[in-house]
PDB file of N, CA and C in Angstrom:
ATOM      1  N   MET A   1     116.175  76.353  96.365  1.00  0.00           N
ATOM      2  CA  MET A   1     114.732  76.091  96.100  1.00  0.00           C
ATOM      3  C   MET A   1     114.888  74.249  96.104  1.00  0.00           C
ATOM      4  N   THR A   2     113.589  74.198  96.333  1.00  0.00           N
ATOM      5  CA  THR A   2     113.050  72.680  96.105  1.00  0.00           C
ATOM      6  C   THR A   2     112.326  72.011  95.261  1.00  0.00           C
ATOM      7  N   PRO A   3     112.340  70.797  95.156  1.00  0.00           N
ATOM      8  CA  PRO A   3     111.351  70.157  94.044  1.00  0.00           C
ATOM      9  C   PRO A   3     110.123  70.898  93.914  1.00  0.00           C
ATOM     10  N   ALA A   4     109.646  71.072  95.294  1.00  0.00           N
ATOM     11  CA  ALA A   4     108.147  71.319  95.807  1.00  0.00           C
ATOM     12  C   ALA A   4     107.956  72.615  95.252  1.00  0.00           C
ATOM     13  N   GLU A   5     108.805  73.399  95.615  1.00  0.00           N
ATOM     14  CA  GLU A   5     108.869  74.753  95.319  1.00  0.00           C
ATOM     15  C   GLU A   5     108.837  75.008  93.272  1.00  0.00           C
ATOM     16  N   ILE A   6     109.780  73.982  93.249  1.00  0.00           N
ATOM     17  CA  ILE A   6     109.631  74.194  91.467  1.00  0.00           C
ATOM     18  C   ILE A   6     108.339  73.977  90.969  1.00  0.00           C
ATOM     19  N   GLY A   7     107.634  72.815  91.808  1.00  0.00           N
ATOM     20  CA  GLY A   7     106.551  72.136  91.002  1.00  0.00           C
ATOM     21  C   GLY A   7     105.429  73.250  91.355  1.00  0.00           C
ATOM     22  N   GLN A   8     105.093  74.201  92.711  1.00  0.00           N
ATOM     23  CA  GLN A   8     104.142  75.150  92.620  1.00  0.00           C
ATOM     24  C   GLN A   8     104.456  76.500  91.779  1.00  0.00           C
ATOM     25  N   ILE A   9     105.634  76.835  91.316  1.00  0.00           N
ATOM     26  CA  ILE A   9     105.902  77.907  90.280  1.00  0.00           C
ATOM     27  C   ILE A   9     105.451  77.037  88.937  1.00  0.00           C
ATOM     28  N   VAL A  10     105.664  75.924  88.682  1.00  0.00           N
ATOM     29  CA  VAL A  10     105.405  75.419  87.344  1.00  0.00           C
ATOM     30  C   VAL A  10     103.700  75.516  87.609  1.00  0.00           C
ATOM     31  N   ARG A  11     103.274  74.809  88.160  1.00  0.00           N
ATOM     32  CA  ARG A  11     101.680  74.950  88.553  1.00  0.00           C
ATOM     33  C   ARG A  11     101.061  76.424  88.261  1.00  0.00           C
ATOM     34  N   ALA A  12     101.626  77.313  89.291  1.00  0.00           N
ATOM     35  CA  ALA A  12     101.027  78.568  89.074  1.00  0.00           C
ATOM     36  C   ALA A  12     101.216  79.290  87.592  1.00  0.00           C
ATOM     37  N   ALA A  13     102.381  79.089  87.017  1.00  0.00           N
ATOM     38  CA  ALA A  13     102.305  79.708  85.347  1.00  0.00           C
ATOM     39  C   ALA A  13     101.894  78.863  84.613  1.00  0.00           C
ATOM     40  N   ARG A  14     101.698  77.473  84.664  1.00  0.00           N
ATOM     41  CA  ARG A  14     100.648  76.611  83.813  1.00  0.00           C
ATOM     42  C   ARG A  14      99.417  77.623  83.892  1.00  0.00           C
ATOM     43  N   LYS A  15      98.625  77.492  85.236  1.00  0.00           N
ATOM     44  CA  LYS A  15      97.295  78.232  85.500  1.00  0.00           C
ATOM     45  C   LYS A  15      96.981  79.406  84.850  1.00  0.00           C
ATOM     46  N   ALA A  16      97.803  80.516  85.332  1.00  0.00           N
ATOM     47  CA  ALA A  16      98.086  81.885  84.680  1.00  0.00           C
ATOM     48  C   ALA A  16      97.733  81.508  83.149  1.00  0.00           C
ATOM     49  N   GLN A  17      98.740  80.660  82.532  1.00  0.00           N
ATOM     50  CA  GLN A  17      98.295  80.885  81.095  1.00  0.00           C
ATOM     51  C   GLN A  17      97.131  79.878  80.351  1.00  0.00           C
ATOM     52  N   GLY A  18      96.323  79.597  81.660  1.00  0.00           N
ATOM     53  CA  GLY A  18      95.040  78.687  80.841  1.00  0.00           C
ATOM     54  C   GLY A  18      95.461  77.621  80.475  1.00  0.00           C
ATOM     55  N   LEU A  19      96.619  76.642  80.828  1.00  0.00           N
ATOM     56  CA  LEU A  19      96.773  75.565  79.905  1.00  0.00           C
ATOM     57  C   LEU A  19      96.217  74.358  80.758  1.00  0.00           C
ATOM     58  N   ARG A  20      96.464  73.286  80.554  1.00  0.00           N
ATOM     59  CA  ARG A  20      96.003  72.157  80.885  1.00  0.00           C
ATOM     60  C   ARG A  20      97.337  71.340  81.015  1.00  0.00           C
ATOM     61  N   GLN A  21      97.166  70.349  81.680  1.00  0.00           N
ATOM     62  CA  GLN A  21      98.624  69.665  82.027  1.00  0.00           C
ATOM     63  C   GLN A  21      98.828  69.272  80.329  1.00  0.00           C
ATOM     64  N   ASP A  22      98.132  68.458  79.875  1.00  0.00           N
ATOM     65  CA  ASP A  22      98.526  67.806  78.518  1.00  0.00           C
ATOM     66  C   ASP A  22      98.938  68.719  77.689  1.00  0.00           C
ATOM     67  N   GLN A  23      98.492  70.310  77.563  1.00  0.00           N
ATOM     68  CA  GLN A  23      98.517  71.023  76.745  1.00  0.00           C
ATOM     69  C   GLN A  23     100.182  71.155  76.893  1.00  0.00           C
ATOM     70  N   LEU A  24     100.628  71.770  78.030  1.00  0.00           N
ATOM     71  CA  LEU A  24     101.802  72.077  78.703  1.00  0.00           C
ATOM     72  C   LEU A  24     102.835  71.037  78.292  1.00  0.00           C
ATOM     73  N   ALA A  25     102.381  69.564  78.495  1.00  0.00           N
ATOM     74  CA  ALA A  25     103.234  68.758  78.074  1.00  0.00           C
ATOM     75  C   ALA A  25     103.305  68.401  76.763  1.00  0.00           C
ATOM     76  N   GLY A  26     102.418  68.720  76.089  1.00  0.00           N
ATOM     77  CA  GLY A  26     102.683  68.788  74.322  1.00  0.00           C
ATOM     78  C   GLY A  26     103.528  69.953  73.957  1.00  0.00           C
ATOM     79  N   ALA A  27     103.161  70.800  74.614  1.00  0.00           N
ATOM     80  CA  ALA A  27     104.569  72.133  74.122  1.00  0.00           C
ATOM     81  C   ALA A  27     105.591  71.605  74.590  1.00  0.00           C
ATOM     82  N   ALA A  28     106.235  71.509  75.484  1.00  0.00           N
ATOM     83  CA  ALA A  28     107.604  70.933  75.910  1.00  0.00           C
ATOM     84  C   ALA A  28     107.736  69.800  75.397  1.00  0.00           C
ATOM     85  N   GLY A  29     107.416  68.875  75.087  1.00  0.00           N
ATOM     86  CA  GLY A  29     108.091  67.759  74.480  1.00  0.00           C
ATOM     87  C   GLY A  29     108.007  66.631  75.826  1.00  0.00           C
ATOM     88  N   VAL A  30     107.137  66.865  76.529  1.00  0.00           N
ATOM     89  CA  VAL A  30     107.256  65.653  77.633  1.00  0.00           C
ATOM     90  C   VAL A  30     105.914  64.808  77.611  1.00  0.00           C
ATOM     91  N   GLY A  31     105.921  64.330  78.855  1.00  0.00           N
ATOM     92  CA  GLY A  31     104.741  63.492  78.782  1.00  0.00           C
ATOM     93  C   GLY A  31     103.904  64.036  79.911  1.00  0.00           C
ATOM     94  N   VAL A  32     102.520  63.972  79.817  1.00  0.00           N
ATOM     95  CA  VAL A  32     101.713  64.380  80.718  1.00  0.00           C
ATOM     96  C   VAL A  32     102.078  63.918  82.403  1.00  0.00           C
ATOM     97  N   ARG A  33     102.175  62.754  82.581  1.00  0.00           N
ATOM     98  CA  ARG A  33     102.688  62.029  83.650  1.00  0.00           C
ATOM     99  C   ARG A  33     103.911  63.048  84.341  1.00  0.00           C
ATOM    100  N   PHE A  34     105.191  63.196  83.126  1.00  0.00           N
ATOM    101  CA  PHE A  34     106.084  63.751  83.968  1.00  0.00           C
ATOM    102  C   PHE A  34     105.683  65.377  84.629  1.00  0.00           C
ATOM    103  N   VAL A  35     104.301  66.166  83.659  1.00  0.00           N
ATOM    104  CA  VAL A  35     104.456  67.452  84.345  1.00  0.00           C
ATOM    105  C   VAL A  35     103.279  67.400  85.691  1.00  0.00           C
ATOM    106  N   SER A  36     102.753  66.183  85.819  1.00  0.00           N
ATOM    107  CA  SER A  36     101.943  66.081  86.760  1.00  0.00           C
ATOM    108  C   SER A  36     102.935  65.708  87.895  1.00  0.00           C
ATOM    109  N   GLU A  37     104.167  64.833  87.838  1.00  0.00           N
ATOM    110  CA  GLU A  37     104.926  64.554  88.955  1.00  0.00           C
ATOM    111  C   GLU A  37     105.903  65.816  89.165  1.00  0.00           C
ATOM    112  N   LEU A  38     106.306  66.580  88.265  1.00  0.00           N
ATOM    113  CA  LEU A  38     106.979  67.871  88.416  1.00  0.00           C
ATOM    114  C   LEU A  38     106.024  68.586  89.431  1.00  0.00           C
ATOM    115  N   GLU A  39     104.595  68.892  89.121  1.00  0.00           N
ATOM    116  CA  GLU A  39     104.060  69.739  89.794  1.00  0.00           C
ATOM    117  C   GLU A  39     103.920  69.402  91.589  1.00  0.00           C
ATOM    118  N   ARG A  40     104.119  68.065  91.339  1.00  0.00           N
ATOM    119  CA  ARG A  40     103.869  67.320  92.528  1.00  0.00           C
ATOM    120  C   ARG A  40     104.937  67.197  93.614  1.00  0.00           C
ATOM    121  N   GLY A  41     106.144  67.838  93.172  1.00  0.00           N
ATOM    122  CA  GLY A  41     107.265  68.122  93.729  1.00  0.00           C
ATOM    123  C   GLY A  41     108.082  66.824  93.804  1.00  0.00           C
ATOM    124  N   LYS A  42     108.072  66.124  93.002  1.00  0.00           N
ATOM    125  CA  LYS A  42     108.561  64.552  92.766  1.00  0.00           C
ATOM    126  C   LYS A  42     110.026  65.185  92.603  1.00  0.00           C
ATOM    127  N   ALA A  43     111.063  64.093  93.243  1.00  0.00           N
ATOM    128  CA  ALA A  43     112.693  64.942  93.572  1.00  0.00           C
ATOM    129  C   ALA A  43     113.087  63.821  92.268  1.00  0.00           C
ATOM    130  N   THR A  44     112.967  63.056  91.598  1.00  0.00           N
ATOM    131  CA  THR A  44     113.589  62.211  90.802  1.00  0.00           C
ATOM    132  C   THR A  44     113.272  62.707  89.064  1.00  0.00           C
ATOM    133  N   VAL A  45     112.615  63.428  89.040  1.00  0.00           N
ATOM    134  CA  VAL A  45     112.398  64.181  87.414  1.00  0.00           C
ATOM    135  C   VAL A  45     113.917  64.529  86.763  1.00  0.00           C
ATOM    136  N   ARG A  46     113.720  64.669  85.580  1.00  0.00           N
ATOM    137  CA  ARG A  46     115.109  64.905  84.983  1.00  0.00           C
ATOM    138  C   ARG A  46     115.446  66.456  84.455  1.00  0.00           C
ATOM    139  N   LEU A  47     116.268  66.923  85.027  1.00  0.00           N
ATOM    140  CA  LEU A  47     116.727  68.169  85.081  1.00  0.00           C
ATOM    141  C   LEU A  47     116.129  68.714  83.394  1.00  0.00           C
ATOM    142  N   GLU A  48     116.622  68.179  82.296  1.00  0.00           N
ATOM    143  CA  GLU A  48     116.504  68.479  81.085  1.00  0.00           C
ATOM    144  C   GLU A  48     114.993  68.902  80.587  1.00  0.00           C
ATOM    145  N   LYS A  49     114.389  68.196  81.250  1.00  0.00           N
ATOM    146  CA  LYS A  49     112.890  68.052  81.171  1.00  0.00           C
ATOM    147  C   LYS A  49     112.376  69.237  81.996  1.00  0.00           C
ATOM    148  N   VAL A  50     113.044  69.455  83.153  1.00  0.00           N
ATOM    149  CA  VAL A  50     112.313  70.714  83.615  1.00  0.00           C
ATOM    150  C   VAL A  50     112.449  71.916  83.243  1.00  0.00           C
ATOM    151  N   LEU A  51     113.759  71.899  82.397  1.00  0.00           N
ATOM    152  CA  LEU A  51     114.413  73.135  81.784  1.00  0.00           C
ATOM    153  C   LEU A  51     113.329  73.272  80.995  1.00  0.00           C
ATOM    154  N   ALA A  52     113.120  72.249  80.050  1.00  0.00           N
ATOM    155  CA  ALA A  52     112.218  72.446  78.591  1.00  0.00           C
ATOM    156  C   ALA A  52     110.552  72.903  79.024  1.00  0.00           C
ATOM    157  N   VAL A  53     110.184  72.418  80.414  1.00  0.00           N
ATOM    158  CA  VAL A  53     109.007  73.096  80.945  1.00  0.00           C
ATOM    159  C   VAL A  53     108.676  74.285  81.458  1.00  0.00           C
ATOM    160  N   LEU A  54     110.018  74.796  81.934  1.00  0.00           N
ATOM    161  CA  LEU A  54     110.219  76.107  82.414  1.00  0.00           C
ATOM    162  C   LEU A  54     110.097  77.323  80.873  1.00  0.00           C
ATOM    163  N   ASP A  55     111.080  76.945  79.872  1.00  0.00           N
ATOM    164  CA  ASP A  55     111.030  77.515  79.018  1.00  0.00           C
ATOM    165  C   ASP A  55     110.085  77.677  78.271  1.00  0.00           C
ATOM    166  N   THR A  56     109.278  76.808  78.244  1.00  0.00           N
ATOM    167  CA  THR A  56     107.760  76.826  77.289  1.00  0.00           C
ATOM    168  C   THR A  56     106.739  77.889  78.285  1.00  0.00           C
ATOM    169  N   LEU A  57     107.241  77.745  79.657  1.00  0.00           N
ATOM    170  CA  LEU A  57     106.217  78.770  80.049  1.00  0.00           C
ATOM    171  C   LEU A  57     106.849  80.079  80.190  1.00  0.00           C
ATOM    172  N   GLY A  58     108.056  80.631  79.879  1.00  0.00           N
ATOM    173  CA  GLY A  58     108.489  81.682  79.585  1.00  0.00           C
ATOM    174  C   GLY A  58     109.348  81.857  80.938  1.00  0.00           C
ATOM    175  N   CYS A  59     109.450  80.873  81.708  1.00  0.00           N
ATOM    176  CA  CYS A  59     109.842  81.183  83.282  1.00  0.00           C
ATOM    177  C   CYS A  59     111.659  81.259  82.777  1.00  0.00           C
ATOM    178  N   THR A  60     112.148  82.187  83.878  1.00  0.00           N
ATOM    179  CA  THR A  60     113.631  82.429  83.515  1.00  0.00           C
ATOM    180  C   THR A  60     114.514  81.640  84.706  1.00  0.00           C
ATOM    181  N   VAL A  61     115.636  80.870  84.416  1.00  0.00           N
ATOM    182  CA  VAL A  61     115.933  80.497  85.668  1.00  0.00           C
ATOM    183  C   VAL A  61     117.557  81.048  85.986  1.00  0.00           C
ATOM    184  N   ARG A  62     117.354  81.349  87.199  1.00  0.00           N
ATOM    185  CA  ARG A  62     118.554  82.052  87.587  1.00  0.00           C
ATOM    186  C   ARG A  62     119.267  81.292  89.146  1.00  0.00           C
ATOM    187  N   VAL A  63     120.902  81.442  88.721  1.00  0.00           N
ATOM    188  CA  VAL A  63     121.404  80.443  90.034  1.00  0.00           C
ATOM    189  C   VAL A  63     122.534  81.399  90.621  1.00  0.00           C
ATOM    190  N   GLU A  64     122.359  81.289  91.836  1.00  0.00           N
ATOM    191  CA  GLU A  64     123.129  82.451  92.878  1.00  0.00           C
ATOM    192  C   GLU A  64     124.685  81.461  92.949  1.00  0.00           C
ATOM    193  N   LEU A  65     125.817  82.365  92.350  1.00  0.00           N
ATOM    194  CA  LEU A  65     127.152  81.737  92.703  1.00  0.00           C
ATOM    195  C   LEU A  65     127.213  82.089  94.435  1.00  0.00           C
ATOM    196  N   PRO A  66     128.401  81.473  94.718  1.00  0.00           N
ATOM    197  CA  PRO A  66     129.120  82.193  96.094  1.00  0.00           C
ATOM    198  C   PRO A  66     129.834  83.454  95.300  1.00  0.00           C
ATOM    199  N   GLY A  67     129.554  84.479  96.418  1.00  0.00           N
ATOM    200  CA  GLY A  67     130.155  85.759  96.088  1.00  0.00           C
ATOM    201  C   GLY A  67     129.368  86.502  95.631  1.00  0.00           C
ATOM    202  N   GLY A  68     128.184  86.201  95.342  1.00  0.00           N
ATOM    203  CA  GLY A  68     127.185  87.189  95.266  1.00  0.00           C
ATOM    204  C   GLY A  68     126.945  87.410  93.774  1.00  0.00           C
ATOM    205  N   ALA A  69     127.668  86.742  93.249  1.00  0.00           N
ATOM    206  CA  ALA A  69     127.438  86.490  91.366  1.00  0.00           C
ATOM    207  C   ALA A  69     125.964  85.570  91.324  1.00  0.00           C
ATOM    208  N   THR A  70     125.849  86.098  89.780  1.00  0.00           N
ATOM    209  CA  THR A  70     124.413  85.181  89.553  1.00  0.00           C
ATOM    210  C   THR A  70     124.949  84.747  88.184  1.00  0.00           C
ATOM    211  N   ALA A  71     123.912  83.490  87.832  1.00  0.00           N
ATOM    212  CA  ALA A  71     123.992  83.048  86.407  1.00  0.00           C
ATOM    213  C   ALA A  71     122.681  82.916  85.923  1.00  0.00           C
ATOM    214  N   THR A  72     122.270  83.596  84.831  1.00  0.00           N
ATOM    215  CA  THR A  72     120.856  83.486  84.653  1.00  0.00           C
ATOM    216  C   THR A  72     120.551  82.917  83.093  1.00  0.00           C
ATOM    217  N   SER A  73     119.495  82.571  82.694  1.00  0.00           N
ATOM    218  CA  SER A  73     119.393  82.105  81.258  1.00  0.00           C
ATOM    219  C   SER A  73     119.275  83.408  80.274  1.00  0.00           C
ATOM    220  N   GLU A  74     119.068  84.806  80.828  1.00  0.00           N
ATOM    221  CA  GLU A  74     119.387  85.715  80.336  1.00  0.00           C
ATOM    222  C   GLU A  74     120.065  86.719  80.760  1.00  0.00           C
ATOM    223  N   GLY A  75     120.027  87.958  80.136  1.00  0.00           N
ATOM    224  CA  GLY A  75     120.783  89.031  80.737  1.00  0.00           C
ATOM    225  C   GLY A  75     122.192  89.662  80.113  1.00  0.00           C
ATOM    226  N   ALA A  76     122.257  90.338  80.734  1.00  0.00           N
ATOM    227  CA  ALA A  76     123.660  91.185  80.016  1.00  0.00           C
ATOM    228  C   ALA A  76     124.990  90.840  80.805  1.00  0.00           C
ATOM    229  N   GLY A  77     126.315  91.261  80.366  1.00  0.00           N
ATOM    230  CA  GLY A  77     127.575  90.541  80.970  1.00  0.00           C
ATOM    231  C   GLY A  77     128.214  89.591  80.276  1.00  0.00           C
ATOM    232  N   SER A  78     129.174  89.470  80.486  1.00  0.00           N
ATOM    233  CA  SER A  78     129.688  87.886  79.239  1.00  0.00           C
ATOM    234  C   SER A  78     129.368  86.440  79.470  1.00  0.00           C
ATOM    235  N   GLU A  79     129.045  85.960  78.267  1.00  0.00           N
ATOM    236  CA  GLU A  79     128.512  84.449  78.561  1.00  0.00           C
ATOM    237  C   GLU A  79     129.770  83.481  78.053  1.00  0.00           C
ATOM    238  N   ALA A  80     128.758  82.649  78.925  1.00  0.00           N
ATOM    239  CA  ALA A  80     129.737  81.231  78.755  1.00  0.00           C
ATOM    240  C   ALA A  80     128.570  80.470  78.101  1.00  0.00           C
ATOM    241  N   VAL A  81     129.476  79.560  77.242  1.00  0.00           N
ATOM    242  CA  VAL A  81     128.171  78.182  76.761  1.00  0.00           C
ATOM    243  C   VAL A  81     128.462  76.860  77.021  1.00  0.00           C
ATOM    244  N   ALA A  82     127.569  76.180  77.370  1.00  0.00           N
ATOM    245  CA  ALA A  82     127.447  74.910  77.957  1.00  0.00           C
ATOM    246  C   ALA A  82     126.529  73.993  77.164  1.00  0.00           C
ATOM    247  N   GLU A  83     127.187  73.262  76.200  1.00  0.00           N
ATOM    248  CA  GLU A  83     126.722  72.089  75.401  1.00  0.00           C
ATOM    249  C   GLU A  83     126.442  70.891  76.515  1.00  0.00           C
ATOM    250  N   ALA A  84     125.279  70.284  75.977  1.00  0.00           N
ATOM    251  CA  ALA A  84     124.846  68.945  76.697  1.00  0.00           C
ATOM    252  C   ALA A  84     124.341  67.745  75.843  1.00  0.00           C
ATOM    253  N   ASP A  85     124.899  66.926  75.606  1.00  0.00           N
ATOM    254  CA  ASP A  85     124.456  65.295  74.893  1.00  0.00           C
ATOM    255  C   ASP A  85     123.635  66.311  73.503  1.00  0.00           C
ATOM    256  N   GLY A  86     124.803  66.911  72.555  1.00  0.00           N
ATOM    257  CA  GLY A  86     124.116  66.915  71.199  1.00  0.00           C
ATOM    258  C   GLY A  86     123.113  68.089  70.984  1.00  0.00           C
ATOM    259  N   ALA A  87     122.864  68.615  71.954  1.00  0.00           N
ATOM    260  CA  ALA A  87     121.363  69.909  72.587  1.00  0.00           C
ATOM    261  C   ALA A  87     122.154  71.043  72.106  1.00  0.00           C
ATOM    262  N   ASP A  88     121.276  71.672  71.209  1.00  0.00           N
ATOM    263  CA  ASP A  88     121.932  73.492  70.985  1.00  0.00           C
ATOM    264  C   ASP A  88     122.512  73.644  72.261  1.00  0.00           C
ATOM    265  N   PRO A  89     123.855  74.801  72.113  1.00  0.00           N
ATOM    266  CA  PRO A  89     124.293  75.113  73.277  1.00  0.00           C
ATOM    267  C   PRO A  89     122.953  75.751  73.949  1.00  0.00           C
ATOM    268  N   GLN A  90     123.298  76.271  75.582  1.00  0.00           N
ATOM    269  CA  GLN A  90     122.261  77.158  76.450  1.00  0.00           C
ATOM    270  C   GLN A  90     123.340  78.088  76.859  1.00  0.00           C
ATOM    271  N   ARG A  91     122.882  79.412  76.854  1.00  0.00           N
ATOM    272  CA  ARG A  91     123.513  80.430  77.203  1.00  0.00           C
ATOM    273  C   ARG A  91     123.228  80.973  78.482  1.00  0.00           C
ATOM    274  N   PHE A  92     124.148  81.290  79.178  1.00  0.00           N
ATOM    275  CA  PHE A  92     123.496  81.616  80.518  1.00  0.00           C
ATOM    276  C   PHE A  92     124.604  82.959  80.797  1.00  0.00           C
ATOM    277  N   SER A  93     124.382  83.942  81.249  1.00  0.00           N
ATOM    278  CA  SER A  93     125.246  85.325  81.896  1.00  0.00           C
ATOM    279  C   SER A  93     125.545  85.390  82.899  1.00  0.00           C
ATOM    280  N   TYR A  94     126.522  85.685  83.644  1.00  0.00           N
ATOM    281  CA  TYR A  94     127.385  85.881  84.463  1.00  0.00           C
ATOM    282  C   TYR A  94     127.117  87.252  85.074  1.00  0.00           C
ATOM    283  N   GLU A  95     126.708  87.928  86.035  1.00  0.00           N
ATOM    284  CA  GLU A  95     126.528  89.190  86.674  1.00  0.00           C
ATOM    285  C   GLU A  95     127.614  89.205  87.770  1.00  0.00           C
TER     286      GLU A  95
END
């Protein structure tokens, strides 16, 4: 997946929910400029902010691991916990 594809998903989800960029930015705790650049596919955005925007929109992140296994932000299976910079742990399921 490319930054441009993520941007298209964010824009489509935002519009489907009837949100303006400033409303999404406020709800996600990021700036309007960040949302604008994310939707345009700017490659230098910060991952933690991208994940906050996706979470605010109700999107689920899925990462495919080598060998066909997947890691998602939701789902069944054994869970691994990742902690980052004092933030609440993020739970990922591995199928």
